[in-house]
C-alpha atoms as a PDB file:
ATOM      1  CA  MET A   1       0.000   0.000   0.000  1.00  0.00           C
ATOM      2  CA  ARG A   2       1.170   3.517  -0.704  1.00  0.00           C
ATOM      3  CA  PHE A   3       1.064   6.233   1.944  1.00  0.00           C
ATOM      4  CA  ARG A   4       1.448   9.978   2.109  1.00  0.00           C
ATOM      5  CA  LEU A   5       2.152  11.892   5.275  1.00  0.00           C
ATOM      6  CA  SER A   6       0.035  14.819   6.406  1.00  0.00           C
ATOM      7  CA  LYS A   7       1.727  18.043   7.451  1.00  0.00           C
ATOM      8  CA  HIS A   8       0.610  17.277  11.012  1.00  0.00           C
ATOM      9  CA  VAL A   9       2.489  13.947  10.989  1.00  0.00           C
ATOM     10  CA  GLU A  10       5.673  15.623   9.792  1.00  0.00           C
ATOM     11  CA  GLU A  11       5.435  18.070  12.709  1.00  0.00           C
ATOM     12  CA  GLU A  12       4.626  15.313  15.216  1.00  0.00           C
ATOM     13  CA  LEU A  13       7.611  13.203  14.125  1.00  0.00           C
ATOM     14  CA  ARG A  14       9.917  16.119  14.906  1.00  0.00           C
ATOM     15  CA  ARG A  15       8.166  17.113  18.133  1.00  0.00           C
ATOM     16  CA  ARG A  16       7.975  13.572  19.489  1.00  0.00           C
ATOM     17  CA  ARG A  17      11.439  12.627  18.221  1.00  0.00           C
ATOM     18  CA  ILE A  18      10.233   9.660  16.204  1.00  0.00           C
ATOM     19  CA  PRO A  19      12.625   8.675  13.407  1.00  0.00           C
ATOM     20  CA  ARG A  20      10.942   8.745  10.012  1.00  0.00           C
ATOM     21  CA  GLU A  21      12.540   5.364   9.256  1.00  0.00           C
ATOM     22  CA  ALA A  22      10.731   3.830  12.257  1.00  0.00           C
ATOM     23  CA  LEU A  23       7.400   5.165  11.000  1.00  0.00           C
ATOM     24  CA  GLU A  24       8.076   3.882   7.489  1.00  0.00           C
ATOM     25  CA  LEU A  25       8.866   0.419   8.854  1.00  0.00           C
ATOM     26  CA  VAL A  26       5.608   0.337  10.839  1.00  0.00           C
ATOM     27  CA  LEU A  27       3.681   1.337   7.719  1.00  0.00           C
ATOM     28  CA  GLU A  28       5.431  -1.223   5.493  1.00  0.00           C
ATOM     29  CA  VAL A  29       5.351  -4.199   7.896  1.00  0.00           C
ATOM     30  CA  PRO A  30       3.116  -3.486  10.899  1.00  0.00           C
ATOM     31  CA  GLN A  31       2.880  -6.100  13.611  1.00  0.00           C
ATOM     32  CA  GLN A  32      -0.834  -5.252  13.866  1.00  0.00           C
ATOM     33  CA  ILE A  33      -3.478  -3.255  12.037  1.00  0.00           C
ATOM     34  CA  ILE A  34      -6.374  -2.267  14.289  1.00  0.00           C
ATOM     35  CA  GLU A  35      -9.677  -0.730  13.167  1.00  0.00           C
ATOM     36  CA  GLU A  36      -9.936   2.559  15.071  1.00  0.00           C
ATOM     37  CA  ARG A  37     -13.129   4.002  13.633  1.00  0.00           C
ATOM     38  CA  ILE A  38     -14.758   3.990  10.233  1.00  0.00           C
ATOM     39  CA  GLY A  39     -12.126   4.757   7.629  1.00  0.00           C
ATOM     40  CA  ARG A  40      -9.227   4.942  10.102  1.00  0.00           C
ATOM     41  CA  LYS A  41      -6.843   2.224  11.134  1.00  0.00           C
ATOM     42  CA  ALA A  42      -3.936   2.099  13.540  1.00  0.00           C
ATOM     43  CA  TYR A  43      -0.812   0.499  12.114  1.00  0.00           C
ATOM     44  CA  GLN A  44       1.278  -0.453  15.110  1.00  0.00           C
ATOM     45  CA  SER A  45       4.466  -2.250  16.109  1.00  0.00           C
ATOM     46  CA  GLN A  46       6.512  -2.630  19.258  1.00  0.00           C
ATOM     47  CA  VAL A  47       9.763  -0.722  18.699  1.00  0.00           C
ATOM     48  CA  GLU A  48      12.873  -0.169  20.806  1.00  0.00           C
ATOM     49  CA  PHE A  49      13.812   3.473  21.178  1.00  0.00           C
ATOM     50  CA  GLU A  50      16.801   5.153  22.814  1.00  0.00           C
ATOM     51  CA  GLY A  51      18.154   3.326  25.818  1.00  0.00           C
ATOM     52  CA  GLY A  52      16.551   0.074  24.692  1.00  0.00           C
ATOM     53  CA  LYS A  53      13.111   1.019  26.053  1.00  0.00           C
ATOM     54  CA  LEU A  54      10.194  -0.696  24.313  1.00  0.00           C
ATOM     55  CA  TYR A  55       7.331   1.470  23.049  1.00  0.00           C
ATOM     56  CA  LEU A  56       4.320   0.910  20.859  1.00  0.00           C
ATOM     57  CA  LEU A  57       4.634   3.060  17.749  1.00  0.00           C
ATOM     58  CA  ARG A  58       1.195   3.817  16.301  1.00  0.00           C
ATOM     59  CA  ALA A  59       0.359   5.451  12.978  1.00  0.00           C
ATOM     60  CA  ILE A  60      -3.266   6.453  12.437  1.00  0.00           C
ATOM     61  CA  VAL A  61      -4.116   6.041   8.765  1.00  0.00           C
ATOM     62  CA  PHE A  62      -7.117   7.200   6.724  1.00  0.00           C
ATOM     63  CA  ASP A  63      -7.340   4.570   4.009  1.00  0.00           C
ATOM     64  CA  GLY A  64     -10.379   5.950   2.185  1.00  0.00           C
ATOM     65  CA  VAL A  65      -8.095   7.762  -0.281  1.00  0.00           C
ATOM     66  CA  ASP A  66      -5.310   6.672  -2.612  1.00  0.00           C
ATOM     67  CA  PRO A  67      -2.600   6.918  -1.497  1.00  0.00           C
ATOM     68  CA  ALA A  68      -3.658   6.335   2.122  1.00  0.00           C
ATOM     69  CA  LEU A  69      -3.111   9.362   4.371  1.00  0.00           C
ATOM     70  CA  VAL A  70      -1.179   9.068   7.631  1.00  0.00           C
ATOM     71  CA  VAL A  71      -2.909  11.597   9.878  1.00  0.00           C
ATOM     72  CA  THR A  72      -0.830  11.236  13.051  1.00  0.00           C
ATOM     73  CA  ALA A  73       1.805   9.083  14.708  1.00  0.00           C
ATOM     74  CA  TYR A  74       2.916   8.652  18.290  1.00  0.00           C
ATOM     75  CA  ARG A  75       4.689   6.287  20.628  1.00  0.00           C
ATOM     76  CA  THR A  76       3.356   5.079  23.934  1.00  0.00           C
ATOM     77  CA  SER A  77       4.703   2.986  26.774  1.00  0.00           C
ATOM     78  CA  ARG A  78       1.157   1.792  27.493  1.00  0.00           C
ATOM     79  CA  ILE A  79       1.469  -1.164  25.140  1.00  0.00           C
ATOM     80  CA  ARG A  80      -1.181  -3.311  26.846  1.00  0.00           C
ATOM     81  CA  LYS A  81      -3.802  -0.583  26.397  1.00  0.00           C
ATOM     82  CA  TYR A  82      -3.627  -0.807  22.597  1.00  0.00           C
ATOM     83  CA  TRP A  83      -2.151  -4.239  21.835  1.00  0.00           C
ATOM     84  CA  ARG A  84      -4.641  -6.872  20.672  1.00  0.00           C
ATOM     85  CA  GLU A  85      -3.882 -10.509  21.339  1.00  0.00           C
ATOM     86  CA  PRO A  86      -4.786 -12.884  18.491  1.00  0.00           C
END
């Protein structure tokens, strides 16, 4: 799937110090894709950041357009809140 990044995502990557390469990896090969609400999905993977700390990196994607639009991205240490067991 092809993606384009919103201006908001570009700003959030800088502000939250999320490497663009990490976001691209989550979009290309997410560990999970979760339906958030109609037309929006969370692409998410557990990723090690600085100091070896594990975070959940989430990208919220509007897939009702082509290419799909990444509307925001963030990392959270509250993995169990968002992670879905199979």
